[in-house]
């Protein structure tokens, strides 16, 4: 017997530079298969900081540092963590309510499934709320040297591990019918502007719902009107973004938009499971 393995069974080959195209295609085909098996047509994606904790965890952390005060900055950050915890709890509640609503639609495929980046913080809150509502929920995790361990609330079989950011972004973008953007950092802004660019250039449906949650945060760091003044974007481009400050408002805006613009797919391709969005150009 020849001890040489078949090429597609050779770990050395699959991890080599020459096999990069195979690894890229695998990060397309494996999610495609698993979404089909789970009967998932499309998603609502939650983005936000990985550093936001639940209220319980934030209050526990504050209690620990105030028992042994030694650094005012540490105490101030812990207090800010308790303040930020409301976004975790709001994301959890919103994901729960969306999941209960979507389960009641009576559609042949699973619609508007809550999806996150699979990690801690807002991602965990979204997966947790959907899981607690009894629905399926997706985690598109990325291997990073810090922060990004997968949370325990992702539905078994719908936890994905990506090496390539661009393949992860593909699955975020082309199944999503709505985005909910909670306060976050560079990664959150990267995902937001990636989607806005795809919508603006009609590589995704211009009707996709993009909702910024938390005006107190976003008004301070994201002011786009000067881009209109300078002619960098059109005035109509500002209408691609909507804002909400309560779970009630966010839920009403999302469900209204999803029912009006996305319940009936625009093409046979988008009516499948998974319903990968058709590009316009």
Protein backbone atom coordinates (compact mmCIF):
# COMPACT_ATOMS: atom_id res chain seq x y z
CA UNK A 1 0.00 0.00 0.00
CA UNK A 2 1.14 3.50 -0.85
CA UNK A 3 1.42 5.62 2.30
CA UNK A 4 0.76 8.83 0.35
CA UNK A 5 -2.72 10.22 1.22
CA UNK A 6 -5.12 11.50 -1.37
CA UNK A 7 -4.60 15.20 -1.99
CA UNK A 8 -7.91 16.20 -0.43
CA UNK A 9 -7.01 14.21 2.71
CA UNK A 10 -3.54 15.70 3.07
CA UNK A 11 -3.51 18.21 5.94
CA UNK A 12 -0.11 19.48 4.81
CA UNK A 13 -1.46 20.27 1.35
CA UNK A 14 -4.74 21.79 2.57
CA UNK A 15 -2.84 24.18 4.83
CA UNK A 16 -0.38 25.18 2.12
CA UNK A 17 -0.30 28.39 0.09
CA UNK A 18 -1.24 26.45 -3.04
CA UNK A 19 -4.48 25.24 -1.44
CA UNK A 20 -5.74 28.71 -0.49
CA UNK A 21 -8.46 28.67 -3.21
CA UNK A 22 -9.76 25.40 -1.80
CA UNK A 23 -9.96 26.85 1.71
CA UNK A 24 -11.82 29.91 0.39
CA UNK A 25 -14.34 27.78 -1.50
CA UNK A 26 -14.81 25.60 1.60
CA UNK A 27 -15.87 28.69 3.57
CA UNK A 28 -18.58 29.22 0.96
CA UNK A 29 -19.76 25.63 0.47
CA UNK A 30 -19.89 24.47 4.09
CA UNK A 31 -22.18 27.32 5.27
CA UNK A 32 -24.29 26.88 2.13
CA UNK A 33 -24.84 23.22 3.00
CA UNK A 34 -25.58 23.85 6.65
CA UNK A 35 -27.99 26.72 5.99
CA UNK A 36 -29.83 24.50 3.51
CA UNK A 37 -30.01 21.65 6.03
CA UNK A 38 -31.38 24.05 8.69
CA UNK A 39 -33.96 25.44 6.20
CA UNK A 40 -32.79 29.03 6.78
CA UNK A 41 -33.82 31.51 4.11
CA UNK A 42 -32.57 34.84 5.45
CA UNK A 43 -31.37 36.68 8.53
CA UNK A 44 -31.47 39.76 10.72
CA UNK A 45 -27.88 40.58 11.70
CA UNK A 46 -26.87 42.17 15.00
CA UNK A 47 -23.56 44.02 15.18
CA UNK A 48 -21.98 45.72 18.20
CA UNK A 49 -19.14 45.73 20.67
CA UNK A 50 -17.67 42.48 21.96
CA UNK A 51 -16.83 44.32 25.18
CA UNK A 52 -20.37 44.99 26.43
CA UNK A 53 -21.37 42.76 29.36
CA UNK A 54 -24.72 41.66 30.70
CA UNK A 55 -26.11 43.78 33.52
CA UNK A 56 -25.44 40.99 36.01
CA UNK A 57 -21.81 40.61 34.94
CA UNK A 58 -21.22 44.38 34.83
CA UNK A 59 -22.65 44.93 38.31
CA UNK A 60 -20.57 42.03 39.63
CA UNK A 61 -17.42 43.58 38.13
CA UNK A 62 -18.24 46.97 39.64
CA UNK A 63 -18.79 45.40 43.04
CA UNK A 64 -15.44 43.67 42.86
CA UNK A 65 -13.46 46.86 42.14
CA UNK A 66 -15.32 49.06 44.64
CA UNK A 67 -14.69 46.60 47.47
CA UNK A 68 -10.97 47.23 47.05
CA UNK A 69 -10.67 50.74 45.59
CA UNK A 70 -7.21 51.39 44.27
CA UNK A 71 -7.54 53.07 40.90
CA UNK A 72 -10.18 55.72 40.09
CA UNK A 73 -9.88 54.94 36.36
CA UNK A 74 -10.64 51.27 36.93
CA UNK A 75 -13.72 52.18 38.98
CA UNK A 76 -14.83 54.68 36.32
CA UNK A 77 -14.55 52.03 33.59
CA UNK A 78 -16.51 49.57 35.70
CA UNK A 79 -19.26 52.13 36.20
CA UNK A 80 -19.29 52.79 32.47
CA UNK A 81 -19.63 49.05 31.99
CA UNK A 82 -22.83 49.05 34.04
CA UNK A 83 -24.14 51.92 31.93
CA UNK A 84 -23.25 50.05 28.73
CA UNK A 85 -24.97 46.92 29.99
CA UNK A 86 -28.32 48.34 28.95
CA UNK A 87 -27.30 47.75 25.33
CA UNK A 88 -26.65 44.07 26.07
CA UNK A 89 -30.06 43.73 27.70
CA UNK A 90 -31.80 45.65 24.90
CA UNK A 91 -30.13 43.50 22.22
CA UNK A 92 -31.16 40.38 24.10
CA UNK A 93 -34.78 41.51 24.38
CA UNK A 94 -34.98 42.71 20.77
CA UNK A 95 -33.57 39.41 19.46
CA UNK A 96 -36.05 37.51 21.64
CA UNK A 97 -39.02 39.50 20.34
CA UNK A 98 -37.92 39.25 16.71
CA UNK A 99 -37.52 35.49 17.04
CA UNK A 100 -40.96 34.99 18.58
CA UNK A 101 -42.43 37.15 15.80
CA UNK A 102 -40.61 35.32 13.00
CA UNK A 103 -41.61 31.90 14.34
CA UNK A 104 -45.24 33.00 14.04
CA UNK A 105 -45.06 33.92 10.35
CA UNK A 106 -45.93 30.41 9.18
CA UNK A 107 -43.53 30.46 6.23
CA UNK A 108 -42.13 27.26 4.66
CA UNK A 109 -38.54 28.32 5.39
CA UNK A 110 -37.07 29.88 8.51
CA UNK A 111 -37.23 33.63 7.97
CA UNK A 112 -35.33 36.54 9.53
CA UNK A 113 -33.19 34.33 11.77
CA UNK A 114 -31.10 36.26 14.29
CA UNK A 115 -27.44 36.18 13.26
CA UNK A 116 -24.37 37.60 14.96
CA UNK A 117 -20.61 37.47 14.75
CA UNK A 118 -20.71 34.63 17.25
CA UNK A 119 -18.55 36.23 19.93
CA UNK A 120 -19.20 37.91 23.30
CA UNK A 121 -20.90 41.22 24.07
CA UNK A 122 -23.72 42.33 21.78
CA UNK A 123 -23.19 39.20 19.69
CA UNK A 124 -23.78 37.00 22.71
CA UNK A 125 -26.82 39.05 23.71
CA UNK A 126 -28.44 38.60 20.29
CA UNK A 127 -27.81 34.85 20.16
CA UNK A 128 -28.94 34.52 23.77
CA UNK A 129 -32.24 36.33 23.22
CA UNK A 130 -33.05 34.25 20.14
CA UNK A 131 -32.10 31.01 21.90
CA UNK A 132 -34.29 31.90 24.89
CA UNK A 133 -37.19 32.47 22.50
CA UNK A 134 -36.88 28.93 21.20
CA UNK A 135 -35.58 29.81 17.74
CA UNK A 136 -32.50 28.94 15.76
CA UNK A 137 -29.70 31.48 15.87
CA UNK A 138 -26.48 31.81 13.88
CA UNK A 139 -22.93 32.70 14.91
CA UNK A 140 -20.41 33.60 12.19
CA UNK A 141 -17.27 33.53 14.28
CA UNK A 142 -13.83 34.67 13.12
CA UNK A 143 -10.54 33.33 14.46
CA UNK A 144 -8.75 36.25 16.13
CA UNK A 145 -5.82 36.48 18.56
CA UNK A 146 -8.09 38.19 21.14
CA UNK A 147 -11.73 38.83 22.09
CA UNK A 148 -13.45 36.47 19.70
CA UNK A 149 -14.28 33.19 21.43
CA UNK A 150 -17.64 31.78 20.40
CA UNK A 151 -20.52 32.32 22.83
CA UNK A 152 -22.55 29.34 24.13
CA UNK A 153 -25.95 30.44 22.79
CA UNK A 154 -25.46 29.63 19.10
CA UNK A 155 -27.65 26.84 17.75
CA UNK A 156 -25.67 23.58 17.32
CA UNK A 157 -24.81 23.19 13.66
CA UNK A 158 -25.04 26.96 13.07
CA UNK A 159 -21.73 27.89 14.70
CA UNK A 160 -19.29 28.74 11.91
CA UNK A 161 -15.56 29.35 12.23
CA UNK A 162 -14.03 31.53 9.51
CA UNK A 163 -10.42 32.24 8.70
CA UNK A 164 -11.16 34.71 5.90
CA UNK A 165 -12.88 37.95 6.85
CA UNK A 166 -14.25 38.43 3.35
CA UNK A 167 -16.03 35.06 3.33
CA UNK A 168 -17.55 35.83 6.71
CA UNK A 169 -18.70 39.18 5.37
CA UNK A 170 -20.28 37.48 2.37
CA UNK A 171 -22.51 35.42 4.64
CA UNK A 172 -23.37 38.45 6.75
CA UNK A 173 -24.35 40.53 3.74
CA UNK A 174 -26.06 38.23 1.29
CA UNK A 175 -28.55 36.60 3.65
CA UNK A 176 -29.40 39.73 5.65
CA UNK A 177 -32.70 41.53 5.26
CA UNK A 178 -31.97 43.88 8.17
CA UNK A 179 -29.02 45.03 10.27
CA UNK A 180 -29.21 46.26 13.84
CA UNK A 181 -26.07 48.21 14.74
CA UNK A 182 -25.50 48.59 18.48
CA UNK A 183 -22.65 50.70 19.91
CA UNK A 184 -19.32 49.22 18.93
CA UNK A 185 -15.79 49.85 17.78
CA UNK A 186 -13.78 49.59 14.57
CA UNK A 187 -15.19 46.19 13.66
CA UNK A 188 -18.77 47.41 14.02
CA UNK A 189 -18.06 50.47 11.88
CA UNK A 190 -16.32 48.30 9.30
CA UNK A 191 -19.38 46.07 8.96
CA UNK A 192 -21.76 49.05 8.87
CA UNK A 193 -19.94 50.87 6.08
CA UNK A 194 -19.37 47.66 4.13
CA UNK A 195 -23.13 47.06 4.03
CA UNK A 196 -23.96 50.71 3.30
CA UNK A 197 -21.55 50.64 0.34
CA UNK A 198 -23.15 47.46 -1.03
CA UNK A 199 -26.62 48.98 -0.68
CA UNK A 200 -25.61 52.35 -2.15
CA UNK A 201 -24.01 50.67 -5.18
CA UNK A 202 -27.00 48.32 -5.57
CA UNK A 203 -25.00 45.18 -4.94
CA UNK A 204 -27.64 44.51 -2.28
CA UNK A 205 -31.28 45.46 -2.23
CA UNK A 206 -31.60 49.19 -1.45
CA UNK A 207 -34.57 48.28 0.73
CA UNK A 208 -32.49 46.48 3.35
CA UNK A 209 -33.19 47.81 6.83
CA UNK A 210 -30.15 49.40 8.54
CA UNK A 211 -30.93 50.49 12.08
CA UNK A 212 -28.55 52.32 14.40
CA UNK A 213 -29.47 51.63 18.02
CA UNK A 214 -28.53 54.19 20.67
CA UNK A 215 -28.54 57.84 19.59
CA UNK A 216 -26.52 58.93 22.60
CA UNK A 217 -23.61 56.89 21.30
CA UNK A 218 -23.99 57.23 17.56
CA UNK A 219 -24.72 60.96 17.50
CA UNK A 220 -21.41 61.58 19.22
CA UNK A 221 -19.24 59.56 16.85
CA UNK A 222 -21.11 59.28 13.54
CA UNK A 223 -22.18 62.53 11.93
CA UNK A 224 -22.57 62.05 8.17
CA UNK A 225 -24.17 65.36 7.14
CA UNK A 226 -20.79 66.96 6.26
CA UNK A 227 -20.37 64.25 3.62
CA UNK A 228 -23.53 65.57 1.94
CA UNK A 229 -22.30 69.17 2.27
CA UNK A 230 -19.05 68.26 0.52
CA UNK A 231 -20.83 66.24 -2.15
CA UNK A 232 -19.25 62.94 -1.14
CA UNK A 233 -22.67 61.27 -0.82
CA UNK A 234 -26.15 62.16 -2.01
CA UNK A 235 -28.76 63.54 0.43
CA UNK A 236 -30.84 60.41 -0.22
CA UNK A 237 -27.99 58.25 1.08
CA UNK A 238 -28.67 59.49 4.62
CA UNK A 239 -32.08 57.83 4.38
CA UNK A 240 -30.39 54.43 4.24
CA UNK A 241 -29.86 54.71 8.01
CA UNK A 242 -32.62 54.66 10.62
CA UNK A 243 -32.29 55.21 14.35
CA UNK A 244 -33.96 53.82 17.44
CA UNK A 245 -33.48 54.24 21.18
CA UNK A 246 -35.93 51.72 22.61
CA UNK A 247 -36.67 48.08 21.98
CA UNK A 248 -40.29 48.96 21.20
CA UNK A 249 -39.29 51.43 18.48
CA UNK A 250 -36.66 49.12 17.00
CA UNK A 251 -39.04 46.17 16.93
CA UNK A 252 -41.78 48.21 15.26
CA UNK A 253 -39.43 49.63 12.62
CA UNK A 254 -37.85 46.28 11.82
CA UNK A 255 -41.03 44.24 11.60
CA UNK A 256 -42.81 46.87 9.52
CA UNK A 257 -39.94 47.05 7.04
CA UNK A 258 -39.49 43.29 6.87
CA UNK A 259 -43.17 42.67 6.22
CA UNK A 260 -43.54 45.44 3.64
CA UNK A 261 -40.34 44.88 1.68
CA UNK A 262 -39.04 41.38 2.32
CA UNK A 263 -41.78 38.92 3.20
CA UNK A 264 -42.30 38.27 -0.52
CA UNK A 265 -38.86 37.57 -2.05
CA UNK A 266 -37.89 39.63 -5.08
CA UNK A 267 -36.54 36.68 -7.06
CA UNK A 268 -36.72 32.87 -7.12
CA UNK A 269 -33.11 32.85 -5.94
CA UNK A 270 -34.02 34.73 -2.75
CA UNK A 271 -37.00 32.43 -2.11
CA UNK A 272 -34.71 29.46 -1.55
CA UNK A 273 -33.10 28.27 1.66
CA UNK A 274 -30.64 29.89 1.84
CA UNK A 275 -31.94 32.83 -0.18
CA UNK A 276 -28.70 34.44 -1.24
CA UNK A 277 -29.45 37.98 -2.40
CA UNK A 278 -29.29 38.69 -6.10
CA UNK A 279 -26.92 41.49 -7.01
CA UNK A 280 -28.47 44.30 -9.02
CA UNK A 281 -25.55 45.04 -11.34
